[in-house]
Amino acid sequence: MNTQTKNSLLLLLCSFIWGTAFVAQSAGSGMGAYSFLAGRSWLAVLVLIPTVMVFDAIRRKSGTDTKPKTAAEKKKLLAAGFVCGTLLFAASAAQQIGITINPSTAKAGFLTAMYVVLVPVFGLFLGRKGSAQLWVSMAVAVLGLYLLCMKNGFGSIESSDWLLLSCAVLFSFQIIAVDHFSPQVDGVRLSLAEFLVVSVESTAAALLFETPSAAQFAENALPILYCGIMSSGVAYTLQILGQRDLNPAIASLIMCLESVFSALGGWLLLGQSLSAREVFGCALIFAAVVLAQLPLEMLHRAKKTT
């Protein structure tokens, strides 16, 4: 098996874990959203600590060392962790609250996937050029959202839909922040730092707005374990390994399948169903997500060169 195929399979497994995590989040919707988020985030921290140690050991053998050494480097890592972690907390909290109100994994997965289209749109405000491909993607996504969320016109969008859309917006900001900081700090340490921030902030929110109890965590142990260990810990590591030496466009397309796995997981494991209109809306949003990632301009330039 060549490297490209192996890395593609790693990313496919990563997408499967992230997609089925929506099922776990739906199953854990019986407890407070902040409490659930705190539980899974502290588990992610416990998983990422040895992950950082393993990567450090591998880098030492290869003669590279990415540990922050100076006070300025440590300060930069702390700042990056705080900014990215706070955005990740806000996005994850909006997502979990939305799933708590409406436990449809398909709708949650597809609305969250809108960040793939929103990231290049917000990039326009940072001076990045847009394209006809981007605007076509947006138009298709808006039509899909209308079919998925607005069953009786524009006044029928539910509160959970607004939360999941705000989640997509917040994830877009978080991705832009990670894109800004990742060249400046070690990626694995940044992940650990941002999950530590999410853990602290979600714990504070749970204590302020909810009444978490040991009984709640015991009742929802399996969903919390799956989201904390598999979704945040294992899947993140698979993403790092899978994206290495793989075409970014191919990587993005594979990870778009997260939304498909979320819908299939809800159908197979939770017995959830969608109307034909909602299925078509999901299909349009997925098409927009894929279209936004296709390297059409690169292919066009390659064709002209040939």
C-alpha atoms as a PDB file:
ATOM      1  CA  MET A   1       0.000   0.000   0.000  1.00  0.00           C
ATOM      2  CA  ASN A   2       1.498   3.357  -1.058  1.00  0.00           C
ATOM      3  CA  THR A   3       1.658   6.427   1.194  1.00  0.00           C
ATOM      4  CA  GLN A   4      -1.159   8.305  -0.588  1.00  0.00           C
ATOM      5  CA  THR A   5      -3.597   5.400  -0.187  1.00  0.00           C
ATOM      6  CA  LYS A   6      -2.623   4.797   3.452  1.00  0.00           C
ATOM      7  CA  ASN A   7      -3.008   8.487   4.359  1.00  0.00           C
ATOM      8  CA  SER A   8      -6.344   8.679   2.547  1.00  0.00           C
ATOM      9  CA  LEU A   9      -7.598   5.712   4.596  1.00  0.00           C
ATOM     10  CA  LEU A  10      -6.412   7.381   7.818  1.00  0.00           C
ATOM     11  CA  LEU A  11      -8.412  10.509   6.941  1.00  0.00           C
ATOM     12  CA  LEU A  12     -11.427   8.398   5.995  1.00  0.00           C
ATOM     13  CA  LEU A  13     -11.301   6.795   9.458  1.00  0.00           C
ATOM     14  CA  CYS A  14     -10.915  10.286  10.969  1.00  0.00           C
ATOM     15  CA  SER A  15     -14.061  11.461   9.118  1.00  0.00           C
ATOM     16  CA  PHE A  16     -15.941   8.365  10.256  1.00  0.00           C
ATOM     17  CA  ILE A  17     -15.049   9.019  13.913  1.00  0.00           C
ATOM     18  CA  TRP A  18     -15.985  12.712  13.687  1.00  0.00           C
ATOM     19  CA  GLY A  19     -19.246  11.899  11.898  1.00  0.00           C
ATOM     20  CA  THR A  20     -20.337   9.204  14.350  1.00  0.00           C
ATOM     21  CA  ALA A  21     -19.408  11.533  17.241  1.00  0.00           C
ATOM     22  CA  PHE A  22     -22.620  13.405  16.368  1.00  0.00           C
ATOM     23  CA  VAL A  23     -24.480  10.215  17.346  1.00  0.00           C
ATOM     24  CA  ALA A  24     -22.657  10.193  20.693  1.00  0.00           C
ATOM     25  CA  GLN A  25     -23.441  13.881  21.194  1.00  0.00           C
ATOM     26  CA  SER A  26     -27.101  13.201  20.449  1.00  0.00           C
ATOM     27  CA  ALA A  27     -27.105  10.247  22.868  1.00  0.00           C
ATOM     28  CA  GLY A  28     -25.583  12.494  25.540  1.00  0.00           C
ATOM     29  CA  SER A  29     -28.097  15.315  24.984  1.00  0.00           C
ATOM     30  CA  GLY A  30     -29.937  14.341  28.165  1.00  0.00           C
ATOM     31  CA  MET A  31     -27.343  16.129  30.310  1.00  0.00           C
ATOM     32  CA  GLY A  32     -26.300  19.786  30.333  1.00  0.00           C
ATOM     33  CA  ALA A  33     -24.430  20.867  27.208  1.00  0.00           C
ATOM     34  CA  TYR A  34     -21.613  22.572  29.141  1.00  0.00           C
ATOM     35  CA  SER A  35     -21.221  19.552  31.461  1.00  0.00           C
ATOM     36  CA  PHE A  36     -21.010  17.192  28.466  1.00  0.00           C
ATOM     37  CA  LEU A  37     -18.467  19.469  26.790  1.00  0.00           C
ATOM     38  CA  ALA A  38     -16.381  19.690  29.964  1.00  0.00           C
ATOM     39  CA  GLY A  39     -16.312  15.900  30.349  1.00  0.00           C
ATOM     40  CA  ARG A  40     -15.216  15.214  26.770  1.00  0.00           C
ATOM     41  CA  SER A  41     -12.665  18.072  26.790  1.00  0.00           C
ATOM     42  CA  TRP A  42     -10.882  16.919  29.971  1.00  0.00           C
ATOM     43  CA  LEU A  43     -10.675  13.435  28.434  1.00  0.00           C
ATOM     44  CA  ALA A  44      -9.206  14.969  25.266  1.00  0.00           C
ATOM     45  CA  VAL A  45      -6.533  16.682  27.390  1.00  0.00           C
ATOM     46  CA  LEU A  46      -5.659  13.340  29.003  1.00  0.00           C
ATOM     47  CA  VAL A  47      -5.322  11.757  25.553  1.00  0.00           C
ATOM     48  CA  LEU A  48      -3.311  14.629  24.037  1.00  0.00           C
ATOM     49  CA  ILE A  49      -0.716  14.807  26.839  1.00  0.00           C
ATOM     50  CA  PRO A  50       0.825  11.401  25.938  1.00  0.00           C
ATOM     51  CA  THR A  51       0.299  12.248  22.241  1.00  0.00           C
ATOM     52  CA  VAL A  52       2.549  15.309  22.661  1.00  0.00           C
ATOM     53  CA  MET A  53       5.139  13.096  24.440  1.00  0.00           C
ATOM     54  CA  VAL A  54       5.081  10.545  21.606  1.00  0.00           C
ATOM     55  CA  PHE A  55       5.519  13.233  18.936  1.00  0.00           C
ATOM     56  CA  ASP A  56       8.360  14.775  20.969  1.00  0.00           C
ATOM     57  CA  ALA A  57      10.124  11.400  21.116  1.00  0.00           C
ATOM     58  CA  ILE A  58       9.712  10.892  17.354  1.00  0.00           C
ATOM     59  CA  ARG A  59      11.060  14.378  16.641  1.00  0.00           C
ATOM     60  CA  ARG A  60      14.051  13.881  18.941  1.00  0.00           C
ATOM     61  CA  LYS A  61      14.997  10.750  16.987  1.00  0.00           C
ATOM     62  CA  SER A  62      14.761  12.687  13.726  1.00  0.00           C
ATOM     63  CA  GLY A  63      16.889  15.510  15.151  1.00  0.00           C
ATOM     64  CA  THR A  64      14.127  18.129  15.365  1.00  0.00           C
ATOM     65  CA  ASP A  65      12.767  19.809  18.487  1.00  0.00           C
ATOM     66  CA  THR A  66       9.624  21.963  18.455  1.00  0.00           C
ATOM     67  CA  LYS A  67       9.375  22.687  22.179  1.00  0.00           C
ATOM     68  CA  PRO A  68       8.995  26.416  22.962  1.00  0.00           C
ATOM     69  CA  LYS A  69      12.290  27.467  24.548  1.00  0.00           C
ATOM     70  CA  THR A  70      12.223  31.229  24.991  1.00  0.00           C
ATOM     71  CA  ALA A  71       9.715  33.256  27.032  1.00  0.00           C
ATOM     72  CA  ALA A  72       8.438  34.828  23.802  1.00  0.00           C
ATOM     73  CA  GLU A  73       7.742  31.407  22.240  1.00  0.00           C
ATOM     74  CA  LYS A  74       5.891  30.245  25.367  1.00  0.00           C
ATOM     75  CA  LYS A  75       3.860  33.459  25.452  1.00  0.00           C
ATOM     76  CA  LYS A  76       2.928  33.011  21.792  1.00  0.00           C
ATOM     77  CA  LEU A  77       1.772  29.426  22.441  1.00  0.00           C
ATOM     78  CA  LEU A  78      -0.346  30.570  25.412  1.00  0.00           C
ATOM     79  CA  ALA A  79      -1.911  33.371  23.355  1.00  0.00           C
ATOM     80  CA  ALA A  80      -2.636  31.016  20.462  1.00  0.00           C
ATOM     81  CA  GLY A  81      -4.145  28.414  22.816  1.00  0.00           C
ATOM     82  CA  PHE A  82      -6.367  31.013  24.492  1.00  0.00           C
ATOM     83  CA  VAL A  83      -7.707  32.518  21.241  1.00  0.00           C
ATOM     84  CA  CYS A  84      -8.208  29.206  19.421  1.00  0.00           C
ATOM     85  CA  GLY A  85      -9.518  27.477  22.558  1.00  0.00           C
ATOM     86  CA  THR A  86     -12.079  30.192  23.343  1.00  0.00           C
ATOM     87  CA  LEU A  87     -13.402  30.066  19.771  1.00  0.00           C
ATOM     88  CA  LEU A  88     -13.482  26.252  19.919  1.00  0.00           C
ATOM     89  CA  PHE A  89     -15.378  26.406  23.239  1.00  0.00           C
ATOM     90  CA  ALA A  90     -17.974  28.815  21.801  1.00  0.00           C
ATOM     91  CA  ALA A  91     -18.421  26.730  18.636  1.00  0.00           C
ATOM     92  CA  SER A  92     -18.613  23.390  20.485  1.00  0.00           C
ATOM     93  CA  ALA A  93     -21.027  24.786  23.077  1.00  0.00           C
ATOM     94  CA  ALA A  94     -23.345  26.155  20.359  1.00  0.00           C
ATOM     95  CA  GLN A  95     -23.194  22.779  18.604  1.00  0.00           C
ATOM     96  CA  GLN A  96     -23.974  20.752  21.735  1.00  0.00           C
ATOM     97  CA  ILE A  97     -26.810  23.080  22.819  1.00  0.00           C
ATOM     98  CA  GLY A  98     -28.256  22.851  19.294  1.00  0.00           C
ATOM     99  CA  ILE A  99     -28.110  19.039  19.409  1.00  0.00           C
ATOM    100  CA  THR A 100     -29.671  19.092  22.909  1.00  0.00           C
ATOM    101  CA  ILE A 101     -32.648  21.076  21.554  1.00  0.00           C
ATOM    102  CA  ASN A 102     -32.963  18.997  18.366  1.00  0.00           C
ATOM    103  CA  PRO A 103     -31.024  15.692  18.450  1.00  0.00           C
ATOM    104  CA  SER A 104     -31.053  15.214  14.649  1.00  0.00           C
ATOM    105  CA  THR A 105     -27.508  14.104  13.810  1.00  0.00           C
ATOM    106  CA  ALA A 106     -28.007  14.623  10.061  1.00  0.00           C
ATOM    107  CA  LYS A 107     -29.046  18.255  10.448  1.00  0.00           C
ATOM    108  CA  ALA A 108     -26.245  18.918  12.966  1.00  0.00           C
ATOM    109  CA  GLY A 109     -23.621  17.315  10.734  1.00  0.00           C
ATOM    110  CA  PHE A 110     -24.627  19.101   7.550  1.00  0.00           C
ATOM    111  CA  LEU A 111     -25.161  22.537   9.132  1.00  0.00           C
ATOM    112  CA  THR A 112     -21.808  22.294  10.929  1.00  0.00           C
ATOM    113  CA  ALA A 113     -20.142  21.367   7.614  1.00  0.00           C
ATOM    114  CA  MET A 114     -21.098  24.821   6.325  1.00  0.00           C
ATOM    115  CA  TYR A 115     -17.818  26.097   7.826  1.00  0.00           C
ATOM    116  CA  VAL A 116     -16.023  24.653   4.784  1.00  0.00           C
ATOM    117  CA  VAL A 117     -17.884  27.161   2.597  1.00  0.00           C
ATOM    118  CA  LEU A 118     -17.806  30.016   5.142  1.00  0.00           C
ATOM    119  CA  VAL A 119     -14.024  29.975   5.699  1.00  0.00           C
ATOM    120  CA  PRO A 120     -13.165  31.259   2.176  1.00  0.00           C
ATOM    121  CA  VAL A 121     -16.030  33.804   2.397  1.00  0.00           C
ATOM    122  CA  PHE A 122     -14.624  35.298   5.622  1.00  0.00           C
ATOM    123  CA  GLY A 123     -11.212  35.154   3.971  1.00  0.00           C
ATOM    124  CA  LEU A 124     -12.421  37.899   1.605  1.00  0.00           C
ATOM    125  CA  PHE A 125     -12.402  40.325   4.553  1.00  0.00           C
ATOM    126  CA  LEU A 126      -8.755  39.410   5.179  1.00  0.00           C
ATOM    127  CA  GLY A 127      -7.773  40.343   1.636  1.00  0.00           C
ATOM    128  CA  ARG A 128      -7.968  36.880   0.104  1.00  0.00           C
ATOM    129  CA  LYS A 129      -9.409  36.748  -3.400  1.00  0.00           C
ATOM    130  CA  GLY A 130     -12.821  35.219  -4.084  1.00  0.00           C
ATOM    131  CA  SER A 131     -13.817  33.253  -7.190  1.00  0.00           C
ATOM    132  CA  ALA A 132     -16.868  32.285  -9.200  1.00  0.00           C
ATOM    133  CA  GLN A 133     -16.502  28.803  -7.692  1.00  0.00           C
ATOM    134  CA  LEU A 134     -16.878  30.275  -4.181  1.00  0.00           C
ATOM    135  CA  TRP A 135     -20.051  32.211  -4.965  1.00  0.00           C
ATOM    136  CA  VAL A 136     -21.640  29.239  -6.741  1.00  0.00           C
ATOM    137  CA  SER A 137     -20.848  27.137  -3.647  1.00  0.00           C
ATOM    138  CA  MET A 138     -22.529  29.720  -1.419  1.00  0.00           C
ATOM    139  CA  ALA A 139     -25.645  29.864  -3.618  1.00  0.00           C
ATOM    140  CA  VAL A 140     -25.986  26.070  -3.603  1.00  0.00           C
ATOM    141  CA  ALA A 141     -25.440  25.952   0.183  1.00  0.00           C
ATOM    142  CA  VAL A 142     -28.097  28.619   0.845  1.00  0.00           C
ATOM    143  CA  LEU A 143     -30.610  26.688  -1.283  1.00  0.00           C
ATOM    144  CA  GLY A 144     -29.754  23.511   0.629  1.00  0.00           C
ATOM    145  CA  LEU A 145     -30.202  25.311   3.961  1.00  0.00           C
ATOM    146  CA  TYR A 146     -33.609  26.571   2.856  1.00  0.00           C
ATOM    147  CA  LEU A 147     -34.773  23.040   2.012  1.00  0.00           C
ATOM    148  CA  LEU A 148     -33.280  21.515   5.166  1.00  0.00           C
ATOM    149  CA  CYS A 149     -34.303  24.102   7.773  1.00  0.00           C
ATOM    150  CA  MET A 150     -37.199  26.169   6.476  1.00  0.00           C
ATOM    151  CA  LYS A 151     -40.035  23.711   5.966  1.00  0.00           C
ATOM    152  CA  ASN A 152     -42.709  26.450   5.988  1.00  0.00           C
ATOM    153  CA  GLY A 153     -40.815  29.455   4.643  1.00  0.00           C
ATOM    154  CA  PHE A 154     -38.282  31.816   6.162  1.00  0.00           C
ATOM    155  CA  GLY A 155     -40.209  32.158   9.423  1.00  0.00           C
ATOM    156  CA  SER A 156     -39.984  28.453  10.226  1.00  0.00           C
ATOM    157  CA  ILE A 157     -36.263  28.125  11.022  1.00  0.00           C
ATOM    158  CA  GLU A 158     -35.889  26.602  14.485  1.00  0.00           C
ATOM    159  CA  SER A 159     -33.775  27.916  17.354  1.00  0.00           C
ATOM    160  CA  SER A 160     -31.561  24.822  17.117  1.00  0.00           C
ATOM    161  CA  ASP A 161     -30.881  25.651  13.451  1.00  0.00           C
ATOM    162  CA  TRP A 162     -29.695  29.159  14.377  1.00  0.00           C
ATOM    163  CA  LEU A 163     -27.403  27.656  17.022  1.00  0.00           C
ATOM    164  CA  LEU A 164     -25.916  25.168  14.557  1.00  0.00           C
ATOM    165  CA  LEU A 165     -25.428  27.899  11.958  1.00  0.00           C
ATOM    166  CA  SER A 166     -23.705  30.077  14.572  1.00  0.00           C
ATOM    167  CA  CYS A 167     -21.600  27.007  15.385  1.00  0.00           C
ATOM    168  CA  ALA A 168     -20.500  26.854  11.721  1.00  0.00           C
ATOM    169  CA  VAL A 169     -19.609  30.580  11.815  1.00  0.00           C
ATOM    170  CA  LEU A 170     -17.618  30.142  15.046  1.00  0.00           C
ATOM    171  CA  PHE A 171     -15.817  27.088  13.667  1.00  0.00           C
ATOM    172  CA  SER A 172     -14.893  29.238  10.640  1.00  0.00           C
ATOM    173  CA  PHE A 173     -13.313  31.826  12.946  1.00  0.00           C
ATOM    174  CA  GLN A 174     -11.534  29.062  14.863  1.00  0.00           C
ATOM    175  CA  ILE A 175     -10.110  27.574  11.645  1.00  0.00           C
ATOM    176  CA  ILE A 176      -8.916  31.021  10.504  1.00  0.00           C
ATOM    177  CA  ALA A 177      -7.276  31.541  13.926  1.00  0.00           C
ATOM    178  CA  VAL A 178      -5.562  28.136  13.750  1.00  0.00           C
ATOM    179  CA  ASP A 179      -4.414  28.943  10.205  1.00  0.00           C
ATOM    180  CA  HIS A 180      -2.905  32.186  11.575  1.00  0.00           C
ATOM    181  CA  PHE A 181      -1.138  30.643  14.588  1.00  0.00           C
ATOM    182  CA  SER A 182      -0.157  27.161  13.341  1.00  0.00           C
ATOM    183  CA  PRO A 183       2.919  28.303  11.358  1.00  0.00           C
ATOM    184  CA  GLN A 184       4.186  30.052  14.505  1.00  0.00           C
ATOM    185  CA  VAL A 185       3.744  27.254  17.090  1.00  0.00           C
ATOM    186  CA  ASP A 186       3.841  23.449  17.300  1.00  0.00           C
ATOM    187  CA  GLY A 187       0.522  22.041  16.046  1.00  0.00           C
ATOM    188  CA  VAL A 188       0.134  19.216  18.586  1.00  0.00           C
ATOM    189  CA  ARG A 189       0.924  21.552  21.506  1.00  0.00           C
ATOM    190  CA  LEU A 190      -1.552  24.083  20.115  1.00  0.00           C
ATOM    191  CA  SER A 191      -4.237  21.382  20.108  1.00  0.00           C
ATOM    192  CA  LEU A 192      -3.442  20.466  23.724  1.00  0.00           C
ATOM    193  CA  ALA A 193      -3.484  24.144  24.760  1.00  0.00           C
ATOM    194  CA  GLU A 194      -6.820  24.872  23.076  1.00  0.00           C
ATOM    195  CA  PHE A 195      -8.484  21.778  24.565  1.00  0.00           C
ATOM    196  CA  LEU A 196      -7.182  22.800  27.989  1.00  0.00           C
ATOM    197  CA  VAL A 197      -8.825  26.223  27.511  1.00  0.00           C
ATOM    198  CA  VAL A 198     -12.072  24.534  26.382  1.00  0.00           C
ATOM    199  CA  SER A 199     -11.960  22.292  29.472  1.00  0.00           C
ATOM    200  CA  VAL A 200     -11.552  25.211  31.883  1.00  0.00           C
ATOM    201  CA  GLU A 201     -14.152  27.442  30.198  1.00  0.00           C
ATOM    202  CA  SER A 202     -16.766  24.676  29.810  1.00  0.00           C
ATOM    203  CA  THR A 203     -16.268  23.597  33.442  1.00  0.00           C
ATOM    204  CA  ALA A 204     -16.803  27.204  34.595  1.00  0.00           C
ATOM    205  CA  ALA A 205     -19.944  27.492  32.419  1.00  0.00           C
ATOM    206  CA  ALA A 206     -21.283  24.173  33.748  1.00  0.00           C
ATOM    207  CA  LEU A 207     -20.826  25.285  37.362  1.00  0.00           C
ATOM    208  CA  LEU A 208     -22.447  28.672  36.649  1.00  0.00           C
ATOM    209  CA  PHE A 209     -25.425  27.622  34.509  1.00  0.00           C
ATOM    210  CA  GLU A 210     -25.990  23.917  35.245  1.00  0.00           C
ATOM    211  CA  THR A 211     -25.988  21.496  38.142  1.00  0.00           C
ATOM    212  CA  PRO A 212     -23.581  18.735  37.050  1.00  0.00           C
ATOM    213  CA  SER A 213     -23.581  15.562  39.128  1.00  0.00           C
ATOM    214  CA  ALA A 214     -21.630  12.307  39.212  1.00  0.00           C
ATOM    215  CA  ALA A 215     -24.846  10.471  38.332  1.00  0.00           C
ATOM    216  CA  GLN A 216     -25.182  12.453  35.072  1.00  0.00           C
ATOM    217  CA  PHE A 217     -21.628  11.655  34.039  1.00  0.00           C
ATOM    218  CA  ALA A 218     -22.144   7.980  34.914  1.00  0.00           C
ATOM    219  CA  GLU A 219     -25.358   7.790  32.843  1.00  0.00           C
ATOM    220  CA  ASN A 220     -23.658   9.397  29.838  1.00  0.00           C
ATOM    221  CA  ALA A 221     -20.228   7.816  30.280  1.00  0.00           C
ATOM    222  CA  LEU A 222     -20.175   6.040  26.893  1.00  0.00           C
ATOM    223  CA  PRO A 223     -20.992   9.125  24.756  1.00  0.00           C
ATOM    224  CA  ILE A 224     -18.519  11.249  26.764  1.00  0.00           C
ATOM    225  CA  LEU A 225     -15.793   8.618  26.423  1.00  0.00           C
ATOM    226  CA  TYR A 226     -16.356   8.285  22.683  1.00  0.00           C
ATOM    227  CA  CYS A 227     -16.333  12.053  22.063  1.00  0.00           C
ATOM    228  CA  GLY A 228     -13.406  12.696  24.394  1.00  0.00           C
ATOM    229  CA  ILE A 229     -11.099   9.823  23.467  1.00  0.00           C
ATOM    230  CA  MET A 230     -12.056   8.964  19.884  1.00  0.00           C
ATOM    231  CA  SER A 231     -13.335  12.263  18.425  1.00  0.00           C
ATOM    232  CA  SER A 232     -10.941  14.695  20.115  1.00  0.00           C
ATOM    233  CA  GLY A 233      -7.904  12.498  20.830  1.00  0.00           C
ATOM    234  CA  VAL A 234      -7.643   9.682  18.275  1.00  0.00           C
ATOM    235  CA  ALA A 235      -9.262  11.501  15.324  1.00  0.00           C
ATOM    236  CA  TYR A 236      -7.034  14.566  15.752  1.00  0.00           C
ATOM    237  CA  THR A 237      -3.932  12.337  15.686  1.00  0.00           C
ATOM    238  CA  LEU A 238      -5.259  10.566  12.573  1.00  0.00           C
ATOM    239  CA  GLN A 239      -5.758  13.963  10.927  1.00  0.00           C
ATOM    240  CA  ILE A 240      -2.140  14.974  11.625  1.00  0.00           C
ATOM    241  CA  LEU A 241      -0.805  11.664  10.280  1.00  0.00           C
ATOM    242  CA  GLY A 242      -3.209  11.498   7.327  1.00  0.00           C
ATOM    243  CA  GLN A 243      -2.606  15.031   6.031  1.00  0.00           C
ATOM    244  CA  ARG A 244       1.146  14.465   5.896  1.00  0.00           C
ATOM    245  CA  ASP A 245       2.331  14.258   2.253  1.00  0.00           C
ATOM    246  CA  LEU A 246      -1.262  14.292   0.957  1.00  0.00           C
ATOM    247  CA  ASN A 247      -2.746  16.786  -1.478  1.00  0.00           C
ATOM    248  CA  PRO A 248      -4.701  19.313   0.668  1.00  0.00           C
ATOM    249  CA  ALA A 249      -7.636  19.307  -1.776  1.00  0.00           C
ATOM    250  CA  ILE A 250      -7.937  15.508  -1.517  1.00  0.00           C
ATOM    251  CA  ALA A 251      -7.652  15.733   2.283  1.00  0.00           C
ATOM    252  CA  SER A 252     -10.447  18.321   2.480  1.00  0.00           C
ATOM    253  CA  LEU A 253     -12.731  16.273   0.241  1.00  0.00           C
ATOM    254  CA  ILE A 254     -12.242  13.155   2.358  1.00  0.00           C
ATOM    255  CA  MET A 255     -12.929  15.050   5.589  1.00  0.00           C
ATOM    256  CA  CYS A 256     -16.137  16.462   4.060  1.00  0.00           C
ATOM    257  CA  LEU A 257     -17.518  12.926   4.423  1.00  0.00           C
ATOM    258  CA  GLU A 258     -17.913  13.658   8.158  1.00  0.00           C
ATOM    259  CA  SER A 259     -21.368  15.073   7.398  1.00  0.00           C
ATOM    260  CA  VAL A 260     -22.399  11.948   5.461  1.00  0.00           C
ATOM    261  CA  PHE A 261     -21.327   9.671   8.321  1.00  0.00           C
ATOM    262  CA  SER A 262     -23.301  11.819  10.784  1.00  0.00           C
ATOM    263  CA  ALA A 263     -26.510  11.291   8.785  1.00  0.00           C
ATOM    264  CA  LEU A 264     -25.859   7.562   8.282  1.00  0.00           C
ATOM    265  CA  GLY A 265     -25.009   7.131  11.976  1.00  0.00           C
ATOM    266  CA  GLY A 266     -28.235   8.798  13.098  1.00  0.00           C
ATOM    267  CA  TRP A 267     -30.230   6.624  10.692  1.00  0.00           C
ATOM    268  CA  LEU A 268     -28.551   3.304  11.593  1.00  0.00           C
ATOM    269  CA  LEU A 269     -27.942   3.756  15.333  1.00  0.00           C
ATOM    270  CA  LEU A 270     -30.683   6.137  16.491  1.00  0.00           C
ATOM    271  CA  GLY A 271     -33.456   5.338  14.027  1.00  0.00           C
ATOM    272  CA  GLN A 272     -33.641   8.962  12.851  1.00  0.00           C
ATOM    273  CA  SER A 273     -35.131   9.763   9.464  1.00  0.00           C
ATOM    274  CA  LEU A 274     -35.337  12.715   7.086  1.00  0.00           C
ATOM    275  CA  SER A 275     -38.029  13.749   4.614  1.00  0.00           C
ATOM    276  CA  ALA A 276     -37.239  13.728   0.882  1.00  0.00           C
ATOM    277  CA  ARG A 277     -37.037  17.546   0.993  1.00  0.00           C
ATOM    278  CA  GLU A 278     -34.536  17.442   3.879  1.00  0.00           C
ATOM    279  CA  VAL A 279     -32.462  14.727   2.171  1.00  0.00           C
ATOM    280  CA  PHE A 280     -32.262  16.891  -0.964  1.00  0.00           C
ATOM    281  CA  GLY A 281     -31.254  19.875   1.192  1.00  0.00           C
ATOM    282  CA  CYS A 282     -28.481  17.794   2.784  1.00  0.00           C
ATOM    283  CA  ALA A 283     -27.313  16.661  -0.643  1.00  0.00           C
ATOM    284  CA  LEU A 284     -27.096  20.271  -1.864  1.00  0.00           C
ATOM    285  CA  ILE A 285     -25.122  21.389   1.211  1.00  0.00           C
ATOM    286  CA  PHE A 286     -22.724  18.453   0.785  1.00  0.00           C
ATOM    287  CA  ALA A 287     -22.358  19.339  -2.911  1.00  0.00           C
ATOM    288  CA  ALA A 288     -21.547  22.945  -1.930  1.00  0.00           C
ATOM    289  CA  VAL A 289     -18.962  21.734   0.590  1.00  0.00           C
ATOM    290  CA  VAL A 290     -17.302  19.509  -2.031  1.00  0.00           C
ATOM    291  CA  LEU A 291     -17.452  22.194  -4.757  1.00  0.00           C
ATOM    292  CA  ALA A 292     -15.802  24.726  -2.421  1.00  0.00           C
ATOM    293  CA  GLN A 293     -12.829  22.355  -2.042  1.00  0.00           C
ATOM    294  CA  LEU A 294     -12.353  21.256  -5.656  1.00  0.00           C
ATOM    295  CA  PRO A 295      -9.084  22.627  -7.110  1.00  0.00           C
ATOM    296  CA  LEU A 296     -10.797  23.778 -10.327  1.00  0.00           C
ATOM    297  CA  GLU A 297      -8.514  26.785 -10.848  1.00  0.00           C
ATOM    298  CA  MET A 298      -5.426  24.602 -10.404  1.00  0.00           C
ATOM    299  CA  LEU A 299      -6.773  22.057 -12.890  1.00  0.00           C
ATOM    300  CA  HIS A 300      -7.625  24.825 -15.365  1.00  0.00           C
ATOM    301  CA  ARG A 301      -4.078  26.256 -15.131  1.00  0.00           C
ATOM    302  CA  ALA A 302      -2.587  22.756 -15.543  1.00  0.00           C
ATOM    303  CA  LYS A 303      -4.758  22.171 -18.620  1.00  0.00           C
ATOM    304  CA  LYS A 304      -3.668  25.482 -20.169  1.00  0.00           C
ATOM    305  CA  THR A 305      -0.024  24.668 -19.470  1.00  0.00           C
ATOM    306  CA  THR A 306      -0.419  21.232 -21.082  1.00  0.00           C
END
